[in-house]
Amino acid sequence: TVLGMVLNPEGGASSATIARLIRLIRFVRVLRVVRVARSFQSLRLLVFSIIDSMGMLMWCALVVFAFVYSFAIFFMNGAAEYFHNNPPDERDPQVAQGLHANFGSIMRSMVCLFMSISGGVDWKDAINPLRTVHWLYEPAFIFYTFIMLFGVLNVVVASFVENTAQLSRKDESAMIANEMRQVAEHTARIKKFFHEADVDKSGHLSWDEFERHLEDDQVKAYFQTLELDVSEAHVLFELLDQDGSDQVDIDEFVGGCMRLKGTARSIDVNMLIRRNAQVLDSMHQHMEMTGKILQRMNIAAKTL
């Protein structure tokens, strides 16, 4: 075993072989973590957000590149102007070194500007050599820093946050799994209530058993979490008793509680409107038939 080789390296493999085995074991553990990661909603959302944001990241990088490139040309021209207007013997060594290191080429200028907004270098150190060239470069550098920090980068971060929020809302698998989990939890609790209330273990819940079990404050509190009004317990029991047998089996009880849970939904209201329309239509037909019958009876009475 690996433990045996570690404790007795003379009789086993070399230390390099042991190290390779340990790395292999770690790699296998990482693979197991990746397989288990599917069950973690937050991790899945994070990974999917990163993958889904790659396209937006490319566009953000292009926008940042355009801003940095534009200002890099501007500041590099200032450094070139300094070296062109000042002979080598008249240049300040520190200023010349700072301009050459930070703005000696377009690449160096872009790196310096990017580092000044990302924490790689203090932008005060980058602006000091430019201040010697011309006073205009100092407010220009401050304007660049302001635009990038408070404008461009904040918009980029907000775009990623909004993209993550939209992905979270569109994560259908997560919403379905969460809904199924909630339904399973409510179903398990309702079944537990049924079995506890069914004192005689008949498999059917009578009104007396239902009323007696509702005297428990914890049971009342749970029904309140389901938004079921237990103040009208008898009405609730009648709604659960679909077949009118004065007894409720476990299927009727679970199905009724899940159906009555919460407030009235749009489908419930529309179903009620439809049924009312059907009842009114049926009553209208009966009234027409009754009127015709009464009319015939009236005519028959007059002929007699």
C-alpha atoms as a PDB file:
ATOM      1  CA  THR A   1       0.000   0.000   0.000  1.00  0.00           C
ATOM      2  CA  VAL A   2       0.949   3.649  -0.248  1.00  0.00           C
ATOM      3  CA  LEU A   3       1.129   3.922   3.545  1.00  0.00           C
ATOM      4  CA  GLY A   4       3.499   0.957   3.647  1.00  0.00           C
ATOM      5  CA  MET A   5       5.805   2.484   1.066  1.00  0.00           C
ATOM      6  CA  VAL A   6       5.843   5.754   2.994  1.00  0.00           C
ATOM      7  CA  LEU A   7       6.716   4.023   6.267  1.00  0.00           C
ATOM      8  CA  ASN A   8       9.211   1.646   4.676  1.00  0.00           C
ATOM      9  CA  PRO A   9      10.757   3.389   1.659  1.00  0.00           C
ATOM     10  CA  GLU A  10      13.720   0.969   1.488  1.00  0.00           C
ATOM     11  CA  GLY A  11      11.515  -1.988   0.689  1.00  0.00           C
ATOM     12  CA  GLY A  12       9.098  -0.123  -1.603  1.00  0.00           C
ATOM     13  CA  ALA A  13       9.250   2.350  -4.391  1.00  0.00           C
ATOM     14  CA  SER A  14      11.327   5.477  -4.499  1.00  0.00           C
ATOM     15  CA  SER A  15      10.204   8.828  -3.124  1.00  0.00           C
ATOM     16  CA  ALA A  16       9.440  10.044  -6.666  1.00  0.00           C
ATOM     17  CA  THR A  17       7.081   7.117  -7.231  1.00  0.00           C
ATOM     18  CA  ILE A  18       5.345   7.835  -3.924  1.00  0.00           C
ATOM     19  CA  ALA A  19       4.908  11.474  -4.895  1.00  0.00           C
ATOM     20  CA  ARG A  20       3.394  10.465  -8.229  1.00  0.00           C
ATOM     21  CA  LEU A  21       0.965   8.120  -6.484  1.00  0.00           C
ATOM     22  CA  ILE A  22      -0.088  10.874  -4.097  1.00  0.00           C
ATOM     23  CA  ARG A  23      -0.694  13.240  -7.005  1.00  0.00           C
ATOM     24  CA  LEU A  24      -2.744  10.552  -8.749  1.00  0.00           C
ATOM     25  CA  ILE A  25      -4.882  10.084  -5.644  1.00  0.00           C
ATOM     26  CA  ARG A  26      -5.443  13.828  -5.448  1.00  0.00           C
ATOM     27  CA  PHE A  27      -6.427  13.913  -9.126  1.00  0.00           C
ATOM     28  CA  VAL A  28      -8.992  11.150  -8.569  1.00  0.00           C
ATOM     29  CA  ARG A  29     -10.427  13.100  -5.652  1.00  0.00           C
ATOM     30  CA  VAL A  30     -10.742  16.180  -7.852  1.00  0.00           C
ATOM     31  CA  LEU A  31     -12.674  14.133 -10.423  1.00  0.00           C
ATOM     32  CA  ARG A  32     -15.039  12.943  -7.713  1.00  0.00           C
ATOM     33  CA  VAL A  33     -15.574  16.531  -6.599  1.00  0.00           C
ATOM     34  CA  VAL A  34     -16.413  17.522 -10.181  1.00  0.00           C
ATOM     35  CA  ARG A  35     -19.040  14.765 -10.374  1.00  0.00           C
ATOM     36  CA  VAL A  36     -20.572  15.804  -7.068  1.00  0.00           C
ATOM     37  CA  ALA A  37     -20.541  19.475  -8.145  1.00  0.00           C
ATOM     38  CA  ARG A  38     -23.717  18.953 -10.161  1.00  0.00           C
ATOM     39  CA  SER A  39     -25.697  18.796  -6.960  1.00  0.00           C
ATOM     40  CA  PHE A  40     -24.436  22.175  -5.751  1.00  0.00           C
ATOM     41  CA  GLN A  41     -26.615  24.884  -7.216  1.00  0.00           C
ATOM     42  CA  SER A  42     -24.326  27.775  -6.261  1.00  0.00           C
ATOM     43  CA  LEU A  43     -21.251  26.123  -7.749  1.00  0.00           C
ATOM     44  CA  ARG A  44     -23.138  25.213 -10.913  1.00  0.00           C
ATOM     45  CA  LEU A  45     -24.408  28.767 -11.225  1.00  0.00           C
ATOM     46  CA  LEU A  46     -20.888  30.138 -10.746  1.00  0.00           C
ATOM     47  CA  VAL A  47     -19.387  27.860 -13.388  1.00  0.00           C
ATOM     48  CA  PHE A  48     -22.196  28.511 -15.870  1.00  0.00           C
ATOM     49  CA  SER A  49     -21.919  32.269 -15.252  1.00  0.00           C
ATOM     50  CA  ILE A  50     -18.216  32.223 -16.076  1.00  0.00           C
ATOM     51  CA  ILE A  51     -18.779  30.183 -19.232  1.00  0.00           C
ATOM     52  CA  ASP A  52     -21.760  32.258 -20.337  1.00  0.00           C
ATOM     53  CA  SER A  53     -19.866  35.514 -19.730  1.00  0.00           C
ATOM     54  CA  MET A  54     -16.956  34.670 -22.028  1.00  0.00           C
ATOM     55  CA  GLY A  55     -18.532  36.456 -24.993  1.00  0.00           C
ATOM     56  CA  MET A  56     -19.273  39.542 -22.913  1.00  0.00           C
ATOM     57  CA  LEU A  57     -15.744  39.395 -21.503  1.00  0.00           C
ATOM     58  CA  MET A  58     -14.297  39.609 -24.998  1.00  0.00           C
ATOM     59  CA  TRP A  59     -16.373  42.708 -25.793  1.00  0.00           C
ATOM     60  CA  CYS A  60     -15.433  44.301 -22.463  1.00  0.00           C
ATOM     61  CA  ALA A  61     -11.762  43.606 -23.167  1.00  0.00           C
ATOM     62  CA  LEU A  62     -12.157  45.255 -26.575  1.00  0.00           C
ATOM     63  CA  VAL A  63     -13.733  48.380 -25.041  1.00  0.00           C
ATOM     64  CA  VAL A  64     -11.015  48.635 -22.373  1.00  0.00           C
ATOM     65  CA  PHE A  65      -8.346  48.081 -25.043  1.00  0.00           C
ATOM     66  CA  ALA A  66      -9.777  50.923 -27.153  1.00  0.00           C
ATOM     67  CA  PHE A  67      -9.689  53.390 -24.234  1.00  0.00           C
ATOM     68  CA  VAL A  68      -6.228  52.359 -23.081  1.00  0.00           C
ATOM     69  CA  TYR A  69      -4.839  52.417 -26.617  1.00  0.00           C
ATOM     70  CA  SER A  70      -6.182  55.917 -27.304  1.00  0.00           C
ATOM     71  CA  PHE A  71      -4.685  57.423 -24.156  1.00  0.00           C
ATOM     72  CA  ALA A  72      -1.453  55.437 -24.595  1.00  0.00           C
ATOM     73  CA  ILE A  73      -0.849  57.132 -27.968  1.00  0.00           C
ATOM     74  CA  PHE A  74      -1.528  60.524 -26.403  1.00  0.00           C
ATOM     75  CA  PHE A  75       0.931  60.044 -23.524  1.00  0.00           C
ATOM     76  CA  MET A  76       3.563  58.370 -25.706  1.00  0.00           C
ATOM     77  CA  ASN A  77       3.542  61.419 -28.001  1.00  0.00           C
ATOM     78  CA  GLY A  78       4.220  63.577 -24.953  1.00  0.00           C
ATOM     79  CA  ALA A  79       7.211  61.416 -24.015  1.00  0.00           C
ATOM     80  CA  ALA A  80       8.489  61.537 -27.594  1.00  0.00           C
ATOM     81  CA  GLU A  81       8.097  65.335 -27.574  1.00  0.00           C
ATOM     82  CA  TYR A  82      10.201  65.548 -24.425  1.00  0.00           C
ATOM     83  CA  PHE A  83      13.035  63.483 -25.891  1.00  0.00           C
ATOM     84  CA  HIS A  84      12.859  65.417 -29.179  1.00  0.00           C
ATOM     85  CA  ASN A  85      12.951  68.893 -27.615  1.00  0.00           C
ATOM     86  CA  ASN A  86      15.607  68.171 -24.986  1.00  0.00           C
ATOM     87  CA  PRO A  87      19.132  67.092 -25.919  1.00  0.00           C
ATOM     88  CA  PRO A  88      20.594  64.239 -23.861  1.00  0.00           C
ATOM     89  CA  ASP A  89      22.795  66.569 -21.788  1.00  0.00           C
ATOM     90  CA  GLU A  90      19.796  68.768 -20.835  1.00  0.00           C
ATOM     91  CA  ARG A  91      17.416  65.996 -19.740  1.00  0.00           C
ATOM     92  CA  ASP A  92      16.577  65.242 -16.127  1.00  0.00           C
ATOM     93  CA  PRO A  93      17.834  61.659 -15.558  1.00  0.00           C
ATOM     94  CA  GLN A  94      14.901  60.669 -13.360  1.00  0.00           C
ATOM     95  CA  VAL A  95      12.304  62.149 -15.721  1.00  0.00           C
ATOM     96  CA  ALA A  96      13.960  60.596 -18.760  1.00  0.00           C
ATOM     97  CA  GLN A  97      14.139  57.213 -17.046  1.00  0.00           C
ATOM     98  CA  GLY A  98      10.488  57.415 -15.944  1.00  0.00           C
ATOM     99  CA  LEU A  99       9.248  58.454 -19.397  1.00  0.00           C
ATOM    100  CA  HIS A 100      11.283  55.752 -21.121  1.00  0.00           C
ATOM    101  CA  ALA A 101      10.177  53.028 -18.683  1.00  0.00           C
ATOM    102  CA  ASN A 102       6.481  53.965 -18.699  1.00  0.00           C
ATOM    103  CA  PHE A 103       5.884  55.579 -22.092  1.00  0.00           C
ATOM    104  CA  GLY A 104       8.852  54.578 -24.231  1.00  0.00           C
ATOM    105  CA  SER A 105       6.668  52.614 -26.666  1.00  0.00           C
ATOM    106  CA  ILE A 106       3.016  51.979 -27.362  1.00  0.00           C
ATOM    107  CA  MET A 107       3.202  48.647 -25.528  1.00  0.00           C
ATOM    108  CA  ARG A 108       4.892  50.169 -22.483  1.00  0.00           C
ATOM    109  CA  SER A 109       2.332  52.969 -22.430  1.00  0.00           C
ATOM    110  CA  MET A 110      -0.595  50.544 -22.559  1.00  0.00           C
ATOM    111  CA  VAL A 111       0.900  48.345 -19.827  1.00  0.00           C
ATOM    112  CA  CYS A 112       1.533  51.364 -17.607  1.00  0.00           C
ATOM    113  CA  LEU A 113      -1.983  52.707 -18.094  1.00  0.00           C
ATOM    114  CA  PHE A 114      -3.567  49.332 -17.434  1.00  0.00           C
ATOM    115  CA  MET A 115      -1.450  48.782 -14.322  1.00  0.00           C
ATOM    116  CA  SER A 116      -2.393  52.238 -13.025  1.00  0.00           C
ATOM    117  CA  ILE A 117      -6.099  51.284 -12.943  1.00  0.00           C
ATOM    118  CA  SER A 118      -5.663  47.671 -11.830  1.00  0.00           C
ATOM    119  CA  GLY A 119      -3.347  48.182  -8.838  1.00  0.00           C
ATOM    120  CA  GLY A 120      -0.145  47.083 -10.551  1.00  0.00           C
ATOM    121  CA  VAL A 121       1.468  50.507 -10.136  1.00  0.00           C
ATOM    122  CA  ASP A 122       0.591  53.694  -8.301  1.00  0.00           C
ATOM    123  CA  TRP A 123      -0.726  56.131 -10.892  1.00  0.00           C
ATOM    124  CA  LYS A 124       0.977  58.967  -9.040  1.00  0.00           C
ATOM    125  CA  ASP A 125       4.344  57.434  -9.960  1.00  0.00           C
ATOM    126  CA  ALA A 126       3.279  57.262 -13.591  1.00  0.00           C
ATOM    127  CA  ILE A 127       2.061  60.857 -13.712  1.00  0.00           C
ATOM    128  CA  ASN A 128       5.155  62.492 -12.166  1.00  0.00           C
ATOM    129  CA  PRO A 129       7.356  62.289 -15.330  1.00  0.00           C
ATOM    130  CA  LEU A 130       4.486  63.560 -17.499  1.00  0.00           C
ATOM    131  CA  ARG A 131       4.051  66.600 -15.252  1.00  0.00           C
ATOM    132  CA  THR A 132       7.496  67.775 -16.327  1.00  0.00           C
ATOM    133  CA  VAL A 133       6.668  67.540 -20.024  1.00  0.00           C
ATOM    134  CA  HIS A 134       3.561  69.771 -19.934  1.00  0.00           C
ATOM    135  CA  TRP A 135       0.956  70.717 -17.383  1.00  0.00           C
ATOM    136  CA  LEU A 136      -1.813  69.419 -19.683  1.00  0.00           C
ATOM    137  CA  TYR A 137      -0.777  65.780 -19.231  1.00  0.00           C
ATOM    138  CA  GLU A 138      -1.566  65.782 -15.506  1.00  0.00           C
ATOM    139  CA  PRO A 139      -5.314  66.624 -15.837  1.00  0.00           C
ATOM    140  CA  ALA A 140      -5.450  64.316 -18.895  1.00  0.00           C
ATOM    141  CA  PHE A 141      -4.095  61.423 -16.813  1.00  0.00           C
ATOM    142  CA  ILE A 142      -6.515  62.219 -13.976  1.00  0.00           C
ATOM    143  CA  PHE A 143      -9.358  62.325 -16.500  1.00  0.00           C
ATOM    144  CA  TYR A 144      -8.269  58.923 -17.871  1.00  0.00           C
ATOM    145  CA  THR A 145      -8.181  57.420 -14.375  1.00  0.00           C
ATOM    146  CA  PHE A 146     -11.588  58.850 -13.528  1.00  0.00           C
ATOM    147  CA  ILE A 147     -13.183  57.590 -16.744  1.00  0.00           C
ATOM    148  CA  MET A 148     -11.736  54.092 -16.387  1.00  0.00           C
ATOM    149  CA  LEU A 149     -12.340  53.575 -12.667  1.00  0.00           C
ATOM    150  CA  PHE A 150     -15.741  55.232 -12.259  1.00  0.00           C
ATOM    151  CA  GLY A 151     -17.073  54.706 -15.747  1.00  0.00           C
ATOM    152  CA  VAL A 152     -15.804  51.845 -17.856  1.00  0.00           C
ATOM    153  CA  LEU A 153     -14.849  49.342 -15.145  1.00  0.00           C
ATOM    154  CA  ASN A 154     -18.040  49.933 -13.153  1.00  0.00           C
ATOM    155  CA  VAL A 155     -20.120  49.349 -16.277  1.00  0.00           C
ATOM    156  CA  VAL A 156     -18.145  46.156 -16.954  1.00  0.00           C
ATOM    157  CA  VAL A 157     -18.741  44.859 -13.421  1.00  0.00           C
ATOM    158  CA  ALA A 158     -22.434  45.789 -13.597  1.00  0.00           C
ATOM    159  CA  SER A 159     -22.739  43.922 -16.903  1.00  0.00           C
ATOM    160  CA  PHE A 160     -21.309  40.762 -15.358  1.00  0.00           C
ATOM    161  CA  VAL A 161     -23.581  41.057 -12.327  1.00  0.00           C
ATOM    162  CA  GLU A 162     -26.647  41.526 -14.545  1.00  0.00           C
ATOM    163  CA  ASN A 163     -25.625  38.569 -16.700  1.00  0.00           C
ATOM    164  CA  THR A 164     -25.268  36.381 -13.610  1.00  0.00           C
ATOM    165  CA  ALA A 165     -28.670  37.517 -12.329  1.00  0.00           C
ATOM    166  CA  GLN A 166     -30.320  36.720 -15.657  1.00  0.00           C
ATOM    167  CA  LEU A 167     -28.641  33.320 -15.753  1.00  0.00           C
ATOM    168  CA  SER A 168     -29.848  32.599 -12.231  1.00  0.00           C
ATOM    169  CA  ARG A 169     -33.407  33.459 -13.221  1.00  0.00           C
ATOM    170  CA  LYS A 170     -33.143  31.318 -16.336  1.00  0.00           C
ATOM    171  CA  ASP A 171     -31.646  28.341 -14.533  1.00  0.00           C
ATOM    172  CA  GLU A 172     -34.634  26.126 -15.228  1.00  0.00           C
ATOM    173  CA  SER A 173     -33.082  23.003 -13.803  1.00  0.00           C
ATOM    174  CA  ALA A 174     -32.384  24.761 -10.516  1.00  0.00           C
ATOM    175  CA  MET A 175     -35.916  26.154 -10.331  1.00  0.00           C
ATOM    176  CA  ILE A 176     -37.453  22.774 -11.159  1.00  0.00           C
ATOM    177  CA  ALA A 177     -35.270  20.992  -8.609  1.00  0.00           C
ATOM    178  CA  ASN A 178     -36.087  23.587  -5.954  1.00  0.00           C
ATOM    179  CA  GLU A 179     -39.820  23.333  -6.669  1.00  0.00           C
ATOM    180  CA  MET A 180     -39.709  19.524  -6.557  1.00  0.00           C
ATOM    181  CA  ARG A 181     -37.820  19.669  -3.274  1.00  0.00           C
ATOM    182  CA  GLN A 182     -40.398  22.001  -1.743  1.00  0.00           C
ATOM    183  CA  VAL A 183     -43.275  19.813  -2.955  1.00  0.00           C
ATOM    184  CA  ALA A 184     -41.581  16.724  -1.516  1.00  0.00           C
ATOM    185  CA  GLU A 185     -41.043  18.461   1.844  1.00  0.00           C
ATOM    186  CA  HIS A 186     -44.663  19.649   2.037  1.00  0.00           C
ATOM    187  CA  THR A 187     -45.949  16.219   1.009  1.00  0.00           C
ATOM    188  CA  ALA A 188     -43.844  14.494   3.684  1.00  0.00           C
ATOM    189  CA  ARG A 189     -45.091  16.875   6.382  1.00  0.00           C
ATOM    190  CA  ILE A 190     -48.724  16.503   5.315  1.00  0.00           C
ATOM    191  CA  LYS A 191     -48.406  12.703   5.386  1.00  0.00           C
ATOM    192  CA  LYS A 192     -46.842  12.936   8.828  1.00  0.00           C
ATOM    193  CA  PHE A 193     -49.805  15.032   9.998  1.00  0.00           C
ATOM    194  CA  PHE A 194     -52.224  12.463   8.543  1.00  0.00           C
ATOM    195  CA  HIS A 195     -50.558   9.494  10.266  1.00  0.00           C
ATOM    196  CA  GLU A 196     -50.384  11.347  13.586  1.00  0.00           C
ATOM    197  CA  ALA A 197     -54.047  12.382  13.372  1.00  0.00           C
ATOM    198  CA  ASP A 198     -55.201   8.895  12.321  1.00  0.00           C
ATOM    199  CA  VAL A 199     -55.370   7.542  15.855  1.00  0.00           C
ATOM    200  CA  ASP A 200     -57.195   4.304  15.016  1.00  0.00           C
ATOM    201  CA  LYS A 201     -54.770   3.592  12.114  1.00  0.00           C
ATOM    202  CA  SER A 202     -57.668   2.923   9.771  1.00  0.00           C
ATOM    203  CA  GLY A 203     -56.103   4.713   6.860  1.00  0.00           C
ATOM    204  CA  HIS A 204     -58.970   7.222   6.888  1.00  0.00           C
ATOM    205  CA  LEU A 205     -59.213  10.508   8.763  1.00  0.00           C
ATOM    206  CA  SER A 206     -62.563  11.365  10.313  1.00  0.00           C
ATOM    207  CA  TRP A 207     -63.786  14.815  11.263  1.00  0.00           C
ATOM    208  CA  ASP A 208     -63.363  14.089  14.993  1.00  0.00           C
ATOM    209  CA  GLU A 209     -59.743  13.018  14.514  1.00  0.00           C
ATOM    210  CA  PHE A 210     -59.044  16.016  12.300  1.00  0.00           C
ATOM    211  CA  GLU A 211     -60.589  18.471  14.751  1.00  0.00           C
ATOM    212  CA  ARG A 212     -58.803  16.895  17.730  1.00  0.00           C
ATOM    213  CA  HIS A 213     -55.405  17.062  16.061  1.00  0.00           C
ATOM    214  CA  LEU A 214     -55.896  20.706  15.074  1.00  0.00           C
ATOM    215  CA  GLU A 215     -55.936  21.629  18.763  1.00  0.00           C
ATOM    216  CA  ASP A 216     -52.147  21.339  18.728  1.00  0.00           C
ATOM    217  CA  ASP A 217     -50.583  24.808  18.328  1.00  0.00           C
ATOM    218  CA  GLN A 218     -47.686  23.446  16.268  1.00  0.00           C
ATOM    219  CA  VAL A 219     -50.130  21.869  13.814  1.00  0.00           C
ATOM    220  CA  LYS A 220     -51.980  25.158  13.506  1.00  0.00           C
ATOM    221  CA  ALA A 221     -48.717  26.994  12.900  1.00  0.00           C
ATOM    222  CA  TYR A 222     -47.753  24.569  10.126  1.00  0.00           C
ATOM    223  CA  PHE A 223     -51.094  24.949   8.404  1.00  0.00           C
ATOM    224  CA  GLN A 224     -50.582  28.704   8.571  1.00  0.00           C
ATOM    225  CA  THR A 225     -47.267  28.281   6.724  1.00  0.00           C
ATOM    226  CA  LEU A 226     -49.254  26.491   4.011  1.00  0.00           C
ATOM    227  CA  GLU A 227     -51.639  29.490   4.027  1.00  0.00           C
ATOM    228  CA  LEU A 228     -54.546  27.212   4.991  1.00  0.00           C
ATOM    229  CA  ASP A 229     -57.104  28.890   7.245  1.00  0.00           C
ATOM    230  CA  VAL A 230     -57.778  26.509  10.142  1.00  0.00           C
ATOM    231  CA  SER A 231     -60.238  28.889  11.794  1.00  0.00           C
ATOM    232  CA  GLU A 232     -62.898  27.326   9.547  1.00  0.00           C
ATOM    233  CA  ALA A 233     -61.730  23.769  10.154  1.00  0.00           C
ATOM    234  CA  HIS A 234     -65.030  22.130   9.209  1.00  0.00           C
ATOM    235  CA  VAL A 235     -65.144  23.973   5.868  1.00  0.00           C
ATOM    236  CA  LEU A 236     -61.558  22.919   5.238  1.00  0.00           C
ATOM    237  CA  PHE A 237     -62.436  19.298   6.010  1.00  0.00           C
ATOM    238  CA  GLU A 238     -65.406  19.425   3.629  1.00  0.00           C
ATOM    239  CA  LEU A 239     -63.144  20.764   0.867  1.00  0.00           C
ATOM    240  CA  LEU A 240     -60.725  17.906   1.493  1.00  0.00           C
ATOM    241  CA  ASP A 241     -63.537  15.323   1.482  1.00  0.00           C
ATOM    242  CA  GLN A 242     -64.057  15.126  -2.263  1.00  0.00           C
ATOM    243  CA  ASP A 243     -66.374  12.083  -2.265  1.00  0.00           C
ATOM    244  CA  GLY A 244     -68.568  13.281   0.652  1.00  0.00           C
ATOM    245  CA  SER A 245     -67.947  10.168   2.756  1.00  0.00           C
ATOM    246  CA  ASP A 246     -67.173  12.165   5.934  1.00  0.00           C
ATOM    247  CA  GLN A 247     -63.775  10.485   5.847  1.00  0.00           C
ATOM    248  CA  VAL A 248     -60.587  11.456   4.052  1.00  0.00           C
ATOM    249  CA  ASP A 249     -57.991   8.972   2.900  1.00  0.00           C
ATOM    250  CA  ILE A 250     -54.342   9.889   2.560  1.00  0.00           C
ATOM    251  CA  ASP A 251     -54.534  10.611  -1.182  1.00  0.00           C
ATOM    252  CA  GLU A 252     -57.484  12.965  -0.757  1.00  0.00           C
ATOM    253  CA  PHE A 253     -55.799  14.646   2.192  1.00  0.00           C
ATOM    254  CA  VAL A 254     -52.429  15.193   0.517  1.00  0.00           C
ATOM    255  CA  GLY A 255     -53.936  16.233  -2.809  1.00  0.00           C
ATOM    256  CA  GLY A 256     -56.438  18.571  -1.167  1.00  0.00           C
ATOM    257  CA  CYS A 257     -53.841  20.274   1.037  1.00  0.00           C
ATOM    258  CA  MET A 258     -51.488  20.798  -1.904  1.00  0.00           C
ATOM    259  CA  ARG A 259     -54.355  22.107  -4.017  1.00  0.00           C
ATOM    260  CA  LEU A 260     -55.626  24.497  -1.354  1.00  0.00           C
ATOM    261  CA  LYS A 261     -52.132  25.658  -0.348  1.00  0.00           C
ATOM    262  CA  GLY A 262     -51.499  29.357  -0.835  1.00  0.00           C
ATOM    263  CA  THR A 263     -53.697  32.077  -2.228  1.00  0.00           C
ATOM    264  CA  ALA A 264     -55.978  31.832  -5.244  1.00  0.00           C
ATOM    265  CA  ARG A 265     -54.023  31.644  -8.469  1.00  0.00           C
ATOM    266  CA  SER A 266     -55.045  32.992 -11.843  1.00  0.00           C
ATOM    267  CA  ILE A 267     -55.972  29.512 -13.078  1.00  0.00           C
ATOM    268  CA  ASP A 268     -58.217  28.997 -10.034  1.00  0.00           C
ATOM    269  CA  VAL A 269     -60.055  32.268 -10.653  1.00  0.00           C
ATOM    270  CA  ASN A 270     -60.477  31.538 -14.368  1.00  0.00           C
ATOM    271  CA  MET A 271     -61.711  28.012 -13.601  1.00  0.00           C
ATOM    272  CA  LEU A 272     -64.274  29.455 -11.187  1.00  0.00           C
ATOM    273  CA  ILE A 273     -65.424  31.985 -13.810  1.00  0.00           C
ATOM    274  CA  ARG A 274     -65.755  29.221 -16.404  1.00  0.00           C
ATOM    275  CA  ARG A 275     -67.796  26.992 -14.086  1.00  0.00           C
ATOM    276  CA  ASN A 276     -70.042  29.899 -13.124  1.00  0.00           C
ATOM    277  CA  ALA A 277     -70.609  30.625 -16.811  1.00  0.00           C
ATOM    278  CA  GLN A 278     -71.526  26.973 -17.377  1.00  0.00           C
ATOM    279  CA  VAL A 279     -73.984  27.031 -14.449  1.00  0.00           C
ATOM    280  CA  LEU A 280     -75.572  30.251 -15.690  1.00  0.00           C
ATOM    281  CA  ASP A 281     -75.879  28.822 -19.202  1.00  0.00           C
ATOM    282  CA  SER A 282     -77.504  25.654 -17.825  1.00  0.00           C
ATOM    283  CA  MET A 283     -79.926  27.711 -15.706  1.00  0.00           C
ATOM    284  CA  HIS A 284     -80.783  29.835 -18.751  1.00  0.00           C
ATOM    285  CA  GLN A 285     -81.601  26.725 -20.780  1.00  0.00           C
ATOM    286  CA  HIS A 286     -83.783  25.328 -17.957  1.00  0.00           C
ATOM    287  CA  MET A 287     -85.598  28.644 -17.673  1.00  0.00           C
ATOM    288  CA  GLU A 288     -86.302  28.660 -21.427  1.00  0.00           C
ATOM    289  CA  MET A 289     -87.604  25.089 -21.268  1.00  0.00           C
ATOM    290  CA  THR A 290     -89.755  25.918 -18.229  1.00  0.00           C
ATOM    291  CA  GLY A 291     -91.170  28.990 -20.013  1.00  0.00           C
ATOM    292  CA  LYS A 292     -92.078  26.929 -23.073  1.00  0.00           C
ATOM    293  CA  ILE A 293     -93.775  24.293 -20.906  1.00  0.00           C
ATOM    294  CA  LEU A 294     -95.735  26.934 -19.003  1.00  0.00           C
ATOM    295  CA  GLN A 295     -96.734  28.544 -22.302  1.00  0.00           C
ATOM    296  CA  ARG A 296     -98.017  25.231 -23.647  1.00  0.00           C
ATOM    297  CA  MET A 297     -99.877  24.569 -20.413  1.00  0.00           C
ATOM    298  CA  ASN A 298    -101.469  28.020 -20.637  1.00  0.00           C
ATOM    299  CA  ILE A 299    -102.604  27.396 -24.236  1.00  0.00           C
ATOM    300  CA  ALA A 300    -103.957  23.956 -23.284  1.00  0.00           C
ATOM    301  CA  ALA A 301    -105.874  25.478 -20.351  1.00  0.00           C
ATOM    302  CA  LYS A 302    -107.462  28.084 -22.595  1.00  0.00           C
ATOM    303  CA  THR A 303    -108.645  25.481 -25.109  1.00  0.00           C
ATOM    304  CA  LEU A 304    -110.377  23.602 -22.343  1.00  0.00           C
END
